[in-house]
Every structure is written in structure tokens, then in C-alpha cells.
Amino acid sequence: MRLKNFTLVFGSQIFKAFSDESRVRILYLLNHFPELCISDLEHILGFTQTKTSRHLTYLKNSGLVGSRKQDQWVFYQIKEEVKDFVSQIFRYLDKDPNLLNDLNIFQVLESNRELAIHKIHGRHLIA
């Protein structure tokens, strides 16, 4: 289900969510990747767990972000019904150096994660 229109109250919540640079950075990353856990966001953004959790709670309460729990991990994603709207906003910010830097950090972390996975699997194959 996609959002086709919204009320003044919901619109105000969305724009308040976008009024903070930290929340914009979180939303930008969630807009580019299907879902991220809090530890990914902490590492990429250099935030504490408390700061990251506070902003994610705000984004959840504003109706922009949803979550799912898997074991001890909680994964966050932009809600499907607002994804088009959020993507439209980020079309205007796609060349921002700070946001692009966050994407680069994610890519480095992701490549390191892939290397670690290969090392783990390689050890099990040898043993």
C-alpha cells in the first residue's frame, strides 16, 4: 500500500522527522538499503547506541520507519507506504557530501563483513 495523500498532522510529523540532520542521515541510509540494524547505523554514523535508539524511536513514532525482530537483533526499514515520498525528498539531497560519505562507510563495512564471512566459512571447510 502506497501513501497517496496525507493529513496535515501526518505531514507535520514527516517534516519534523526531516528537521534533524541525524534523522535525515538515518533515513538516507534506510532509503538506500532494505534494512539495517542499530549496530550498523551506530558504526556508519558514529553515534552512540542511545542517540541512535532515540532517533529511531522518533522515526517509528512519526510513521516513517518500521522494524522487525530476529533473535536479539532489530532491523529497521522505511515503511512501504511512505517509501516513494521519502525517495522523492532524497532526490534533492543525493549529492550531499555528508550523505555520500555515510554510503561509502557502509560499503567499507559491508566489504569487511563479507571478508569475515568468507574467513569463517573457510575455517569450517578446512577443519
N, C-alpha and C. Protein backbone atom coordinates (compact mmCIF):
# COMPACT_ATOMS: atom_id res chain seq x y z
N MET A 1 0.84 -1.18 0.00
CA MET A 1 0.00 0.00 0.00
C MET A 1 0.88 1.25 0.00
N ARG A 2 0.68 2.10 -0.95
CA ARG A 2 1.43 3.35 -1.05
C ARG A 2 0.60 4.50 -0.53
N LEU A 3 1.28 5.48 0.02
CA LEU A 3 0.64 6.67 0.52
C LEU A 3 0.33 7.59 -0.65
N LYS A 4 -0.94 7.92 -0.84
CA LYS A 4 -1.32 8.79 -1.95
C LYS A 4 -1.56 10.22 -1.49
N ASN A 5 -2.03 10.39 -0.31
CA ASN A 5 -2.18 11.71 0.30
C ASN A 5 -2.14 11.53 1.81
N PHE A 6 -1.95 12.61 2.51
CA PHE A 6 -1.90 12.50 3.96
C PHE A 6 -2.48 13.75 4.60
N THR A 7 -2.74 13.63 5.89
CA THR A 7 -3.35 14.73 6.63
C THR A 7 -2.28 15.75 7.02
N LEU A 8 -2.74 16.87 7.46
CA LEU A 8 -1.84 17.92 7.94
C LEU A 8 -1.02 17.42 9.13
N VAL A 9 -1.65 16.67 10.01
CA VAL A 9 -0.96 16.15 11.19
C VAL A 9 0.17 15.20 10.77
N PHE A 10 -0.14 14.26 9.87
CA PHE A 10 0.87 13.32 9.41
C PHE A 10 1.98 14.05 8.64
N GLY A 11 1.61 15.01 7.81
CA GLY A 11 2.60 15.80 7.09
C GLY A 11 3.53 16.54 8.03
N SER A 12 2.98 17.09 9.10
CA SER A 12 3.81 17.78 10.09
C SER A 12 4.79 16.83 10.75
N GLN A 13 4.33 15.60 11.05
CA GLN A 13 5.22 14.60 11.66
C GLN A 13 6.37 14.27 10.72
N ILE A 14 6.07 14.12 9.45
CA ILE A 14 7.11 13.79 8.47
C ILE A 14 8.13 14.92 8.38
N PHE A 15 7.66 16.14 8.27
CA PHE A 15 8.59 17.25 8.13
C PHE A 15 9.39 17.50 9.41
N LYS A 16 8.80 17.23 10.56
CA LYS A 16 9.56 17.32 11.82
C LYS A 16 10.64 16.25 11.85
N ALA A 17 10.32 15.07 11.35
CA ALA A 17 11.32 14.00 11.31
C ALA A 17 12.50 14.39 10.43
N PHE A 18 12.23 15.10 9.35
CA PHE A 18 13.28 15.54 8.43
C PHE A 18 13.97 16.83 8.91
N SER A 19 13.56 17.37 10.04
CA SER A 19 14.15 18.63 10.50
C SER A 19 15.44 18.43 11.29
N ASP A 20 15.82 17.19 11.53
CA ASP A 20 17.03 16.90 12.29
C ASP A 20 18.05 16.18 11.40
N GLU A 21 19.26 16.66 11.37
CA GLU A 21 20.29 16.10 10.49
C GLU A 21 20.56 14.62 10.80
N SER A 22 20.57 14.25 12.05
CA SER A 22 20.82 12.85 12.41
C SER A 22 19.74 11.94 11.86
N ARG A 23 18.49 12.37 11.97
CA ARG A 23 17.39 11.56 11.45
C ARG A 23 17.43 11.50 9.92
N VAL A 24 17.82 12.59 9.29
CA VAL A 24 17.94 12.59 7.82
C VAL A 24 19.01 11.59 7.40
N ARG A 25 20.12 11.55 8.11
CA ARG A 25 21.19 10.61 7.78
C ARG A 25 20.72 9.16 7.93
N ILE A 26 19.96 8.89 8.99
CA ILE A 26 19.42 7.54 9.20
C ILE A 26 18.46 7.19 8.07
N LEU A 27 17.55 8.10 7.76
CA LEU A 27 16.58 7.85 6.70
C LEU A 27 17.26 7.66 5.35
N TYR A 28 18.31 8.42 5.10
CA TYR A 28 19.04 8.29 3.84
C TYR A 28 19.61 6.89 3.68
N LEU A 29 20.22 6.38 4.74
CA LEU A 29 20.78 5.03 4.69
C LEU A 29 19.67 3.99 4.53
N LEU A 30 18.58 4.16 5.25
CA LEU A 30 17.47 3.22 5.14
C LEU A 30 16.81 3.31 3.77
N ASN A 31 16.90 4.45 3.14
CA ASN A 31 16.34 4.61 1.80
C ASN A 31 17.19 3.86 0.76
N HIS A 32 18.49 3.70 1.04
CA HIS A 32 19.39 3.05 0.09
C HIS A 32 19.54 1.55 0.33
N PHE A 33 19.23 1.08 1.52
CA PHE A 33 19.40 -0.33 1.85
C PHE A 33 18.09 -0.85 2.44
N PRO A 34 17.72 -2.07 2.10
CA PRO A 34 16.41 -2.58 2.51
C PRO A 34 16.16 -2.51 4.02
N GLU A 35 17.17 -2.84 4.81
CA GLU A 35 17.04 -2.74 6.25
C GLU A 35 18.41 -2.76 6.89
N LEU A 36 18.50 -2.11 8.04
CA LEU A 36 19.75 -2.05 8.79
C LEU A 36 19.44 -2.24 10.26
N CYS A 37 20.41 -2.81 10.98
CA CYS A 37 20.23 -2.93 12.42
C CYS A 37 20.90 -1.74 13.10
N ILE A 38 20.61 -1.60 14.37
CA ILE A 38 21.08 -0.42 15.10
C ILE A 38 22.61 -0.37 15.15
N SER A 39 23.26 -1.53 15.25
CA SER A 39 24.72 -1.52 15.31
C SER A 39 25.34 -1.06 13.99
N ASP A 40 24.70 -1.41 12.86
CA ASP A 40 25.17 -0.90 11.57
C ASP A 40 25.10 0.62 11.56
N LEU A 41 23.97 1.16 11.97
CA LEU A 41 23.79 2.61 11.97
C LEU A 41 24.78 3.29 12.91
N GLU A 42 25.01 2.71 14.08
CA GLU A 42 25.98 3.27 15.03
C GLU A 42 27.36 3.38 14.40
N HIS A 43 27.81 2.30 13.76
CA HIS A 43 29.15 2.29 13.16
C HIS A 43 29.27 3.27 12.00
N ILE A 44 28.27 3.32 11.16
CA ILE A 44 28.32 4.19 9.99
C ILE A 44 28.28 5.65 10.41
N LEU A 45 27.38 5.99 11.31
CA LEU A 45 27.16 7.39 11.66
C LEU A 45 28.05 7.88 12.80
N GLY A 46 28.66 6.96 13.54
CA GLY A 46 29.49 7.37 14.67
C GLY A 46 28.66 7.83 15.86
N PHE A 47 27.44 7.33 15.97
CA PHE A 47 26.55 7.70 17.07
C PHE A 47 26.67 6.68 18.19
N THR A 48 26.26 7.09 19.38
CA THR A 48 26.14 6.14 20.47
C THR A 48 24.86 5.33 20.28
N GLN A 49 24.76 4.22 21.00
CA GLN A 49 23.56 3.38 20.92
C GLN A 49 22.35 4.18 21.40
N THR A 50 22.53 4.99 22.43
CA THR A 50 21.43 5.78 22.98
C THR A 50 20.91 6.79 21.96
N LYS A 51 21.82 7.50 21.32
CA LYS A 51 21.42 8.51 20.33
C LYS A 51 20.72 7.85 19.15
N THR A 52 21.28 6.74 18.68
CA THR A 52 20.69 6.04 17.54
C THR A 52 19.29 5.54 17.90
N SER A 53 19.15 4.93 19.07
CA SER A 53 17.84 4.42 19.51
C SER A 53 16.82 5.54 19.64
N ARG A 54 17.24 6.67 20.19
CA ARG A 54 16.33 7.81 20.36
C ARG A 54 15.79 8.29 19.02
N HIS A 55 16.67 8.41 18.04
CA HIS A 55 16.24 8.87 16.72
C HIS A 55 15.38 7.83 16.01
N LEU A 56 15.72 6.55 16.15
CA LEU A 56 14.90 5.51 15.54
C LEU A 56 13.51 5.46 16.16
N THR A 57 13.43 5.66 17.46
CA THR A 57 12.13 5.71 18.13
C THR A 57 11.31 6.88 17.60
N TYR A 58 11.94 8.01 17.42
CA TYR A 58 11.25 9.18 16.87
C TYR A 58 10.72 8.87 15.47
N LEU A 59 11.55 8.25 14.65
CA LEU A 59 11.15 7.93 13.28
C LEU A 59 10.04 6.88 13.24
N LYS A 60 10.08 5.94 14.16
CA LYS A 60 9.00 4.95 14.25
C LYS A 60 7.69 5.63 14.66
N ASN A 61 7.78 6.50 15.66
CA ASN A 61 6.58 7.19 16.14
C ASN A 61 6.01 8.14 15.10
N SER A 62 6.85 8.64 14.21
CA SER A 62 6.37 9.55 13.17
C SER A 62 5.72 8.79 12.01
N GLY A 63 5.85 7.47 12.00
CA GLY A 63 5.23 6.66 10.96
C GLY A 63 6.09 6.44 9.73
N LEU A 64 7.36 6.80 9.80
CA LEU A 64 8.25 6.64 8.65
C LEU A 64 9.01 5.31 8.65
N VAL A 65 9.30 4.79 9.81
CA VAL A 65 10.16 3.63 9.93
C VAL A 65 9.42 2.50 10.66
N GLY A 66 9.64 1.30 10.16
CA GLY A 66 9.13 0.10 10.82
C GLY A 66 10.30 -0.76 11.25
N SER A 67 10.01 -1.82 11.98
CA SER A 67 11.08 -2.70 12.44
C SER A 67 10.59 -4.13 12.49
N ARG A 68 11.56 -5.03 12.50
CA ARG A 68 11.26 -6.44 12.72
C ARG A 68 12.37 -7.00 13.60
N LYS A 69 11.98 -7.92 14.45
CA LYS A 69 12.95 -8.52 15.36
C LYS A 69 13.29 -9.92 14.88
N GLN A 70 14.59 -10.22 14.89
CA GLN A 70 15.08 -11.54 14.56
C GLN A 70 16.12 -11.91 15.60
N ASP A 71 15.79 -12.88 16.43
CA ASP A 71 16.63 -13.26 17.58
C ASP A 71 16.84 -12.03 18.46
N GLN A 72 18.11 -11.67 18.71
CA GLN A 72 18.38 -10.49 19.54
C GLN A 72 18.51 -9.21 18.72
N TRP A 73 18.40 -9.32 17.40
CA TRP A 73 18.60 -8.18 16.51
C TRP A 73 17.26 -7.55 16.15
N VAL A 74 17.27 -6.22 16.01
CA VAL A 74 16.10 -5.49 15.49
C VAL A 74 16.56 -4.81 14.22
N PHE A 75 15.84 -5.06 13.14
CA PHE A 75 16.16 -4.48 11.84
C PHE A 75 15.14 -3.41 11.50
N TYR A 76 15.62 -2.28 11.02
CA TYR A 76 14.77 -1.14 10.71
C TYR A 76 14.70 -0.93 9.21
N GLN A 77 13.56 -0.47 8.74
CA GLN A 77 13.36 -0.17 7.33
C GLN A 77 12.33 0.95 7.20
N ILE A 78 12.37 1.63 6.07
CA ILE A 78 11.36 2.65 5.78
C ILE A 78 10.07 1.93 5.46
N LYS A 79 8.98 2.40 6.03
CA LYS A 79 7.69 1.77 5.77
C LYS A 79 7.34 1.87 4.30
N GLU A 80 6.79 0.80 3.79
CA GLU A 80 6.47 0.71 2.36
C GLU A 80 5.56 1.85 1.90
N GLU A 81 4.59 2.23 2.71
CA GLU A 81 3.62 3.23 2.28
C GLU A 81 4.21 4.64 2.14
N VAL A 82 5.36 4.90 2.75
CA VAL A 82 5.98 6.22 2.63
C VAL A 82 7.28 6.20 1.83
N LYS A 83 7.66 5.03 1.34
CA LYS A 83 8.94 4.89 0.62
C LYS A 83 9.04 5.83 -0.58
N ASP A 84 8.00 5.93 -1.39
CA ASP A 84 8.03 6.83 -2.55
C ASP A 84 8.23 8.28 -2.13
N PHE A 85 7.52 8.69 -1.10
CA PHE A 85 7.61 10.06 -0.62
C PHE A 85 9.02 10.37 -0.12
N VAL A 86 9.58 9.46 0.68
CA VAL A 86 10.93 9.65 1.21
C VAL A 86 11.96 9.66 0.07
N SER A 87 11.80 8.77 -0.89
CA SER A 87 12.72 8.73 -2.04
C SER A 87 12.69 10.04 -2.82
N GLN A 88 11.50 10.62 -2.97
CA GLN A 88 11.38 11.91 -3.66
C GLN A 88 12.18 12.99 -2.95
N ILE A 89 12.10 13.03 -1.64
CA ILE A 89 12.84 14.03 -0.87
C ILE A 89 14.34 13.86 -1.08
N PHE A 90 14.79 12.60 -1.09
CA PHE A 90 16.23 12.36 -1.22
C PHE A 90 16.76 12.58 -2.63
N ARG A 91 15.91 12.72 -3.60
CA ARG A 91 16.38 13.09 -4.94
C ARG A 91 17.09 14.44 -4.90
N TYR A 92 16.67 15.31 -3.99
CA TYR A 92 17.26 16.65 -3.88
C TYR A 92 18.53 16.65 -3.02
N LEU A 93 18.77 15.56 -2.30
CA LEU A 93 19.93 15.51 -1.41
C LEU A 93 20.97 14.49 -1.86
N ASP A 94 20.79 13.89 -3.02
CA ASP A 94 21.65 12.79 -3.46
C ASP A 94 23.12 13.17 -3.65
N LYS A 95 23.42 14.42 -3.77
CA LYS A 95 24.81 14.82 -3.98
C LYS A 95 25.44 15.44 -2.72
N ASP A 96 24.74 15.37 -1.59
CA ASP A 96 25.26 15.93 -0.36
C ASP A 96 26.49 15.13 0.08
N PRO A 97 27.62 15.81 0.32
CA PRO A 97 28.87 15.10 0.66
C PRO A 97 28.77 14.29 1.95
N ASN A 98 28.06 14.78 2.95
CA ASN A 98 27.93 14.04 4.21
C ASN A 98 27.16 12.74 4.01
N LEU A 99 26.10 12.80 3.24
CA LEU A 99 25.29 11.61 2.99
C LEU A 99 26.05 10.61 2.13
N LEU A 100 26.79 11.12 1.14
CA LEU A 100 27.60 10.23 0.30
C LEU A 100 28.71 9.57 1.11
N ASN A 101 29.27 10.30 2.07
CA ASN A 101 30.29 9.73 2.95
C ASN A 101 29.70 8.58 3.78
N ASP A 102 28.47 8.76 4.26
CA ASP A 102 27.81 7.68 5.01
C ASP A 102 27.67 6.43 4.15
N LEU A 103 27.32 6.61 2.88
CA LEU A 103 27.21 5.47 1.97
C LEU A 103 28.56 4.78 1.77
N ASN A 104 29.61 5.57 1.64
CA ASN A 104 30.95 5.00 1.47
C ASN A 104 31.36 4.20 2.70
N ILE A 105 31.07 4.72 3.88
CA ILE A 105 31.40 4.00 5.12
C ILE A 105 30.64 2.68 5.15
N PHE A 106 29.37 2.69 4.76
CA PHE A 106 28.60 1.46 4.73
C PHE A 106 29.25 0.44 3.79
N GLN A 107 29.66 0.89 2.63
CA GLN A 107 30.26 -0.02 1.65
C GLN A 107 31.55 -0.65 2.19
N VAL A 108 32.34 0.12 2.91
CA VAL A 108 33.56 -0.42 3.52
C VAL A 108 33.20 -1.44 4.58
N LEU A 109 32.24 -1.11 5.44
CA LEU A 109 31.81 -2.05 6.47
C LEU A 109 31.24 -3.32 5.86
N GLU A 110 30.48 -3.18 4.80
CA GLU A 110 29.88 -4.32 4.13
C GLU A 110 30.94 -5.22 3.51
N SER A 111 31.96 -4.62 2.90
CA SER A 111 33.03 -5.44 2.31
C SER A 111 33.81 -6.15 3.40
N ASN A 112 34.04 -5.49 4.54
CA ASN A 112 34.72 -6.13 5.66
C ASN A 112 33.89 -7.28 6.22
N ARG A 113 32.57 -7.10 6.26
CA ARG A 113 31.67 -8.15 6.74
C ARG A 113 31.75 -9.35 5.80
N GLU A 114 31.78 -9.08 4.51
CA GLU A 114 31.88 -10.17 3.53
C GLU A 114 33.20 -10.92 3.70
N LEU A 115 34.29 -10.21 3.94
CA LEU A 115 35.58 -10.86 4.17
C LEU A 115 35.52 -11.74 5.41
N ALA A 116 34.91 -11.24 6.47
CA ALA A 116 34.80 -12.01 7.71
C ALA A 116 33.97 -13.27 7.48
N ILE A 117 32.89 -13.16 6.73
CA ILE A 117 32.05 -14.33 6.45
C ILE A 117 32.84 -15.37 5.68
N HIS A 118 33.61 -14.92 4.69
CA HIS A 118 34.42 -15.87 3.91
C HIS A 118 35.48 -16.53 4.78
N LYS A 119 36.08 -15.78 5.69
CA LYS A 119 37.08 -16.36 6.58
C LYS A 119 36.45 -17.41 7.48
N ILE A 120 35.26 -17.11 8.01
CA ILE A 120 34.57 -18.06 8.90
C ILE A 120 34.24 -19.33 8.13
N HIS A 121 33.66 -19.17 6.95
CA HIS A 121 33.31 -20.33 6.15
C HIS A 121 34.55 -21.11 5.72
N GLY A 122 35.62 -20.42 5.44
CA GLY A 122 36.86 -21.07 5.04
C GLY A 122 37.44 -21.92 6.15
N ARG A 123 37.34 -21.44 7.40
CA ARG A 123 37.85 -22.20 8.54
C ARG A 123 37.05 -23.49 8.73
N HIS A 124 35.74 -23.39 8.57
CA HIS A 124 34.91 -24.57 8.76
C HIS A 124 35.17 -25.60 7.66
N LEU A 125 35.50 -25.14 6.47
CA LEU A 125 35.77 -26.07 5.38
C LEU A 125 37.10 -26.79 5.59
N ILE A 126 38.07 -26.11 6.17
CA ILE A 126 39.39 -26.69 6.37
C ILE A 126 39.37 -27.70 7.54
N ALA A 127 38.63 -27.36 8.58
CA ALA A 127 38.61 -28.20 9.80
C ALA A 127 37.95 -29.53 9.61
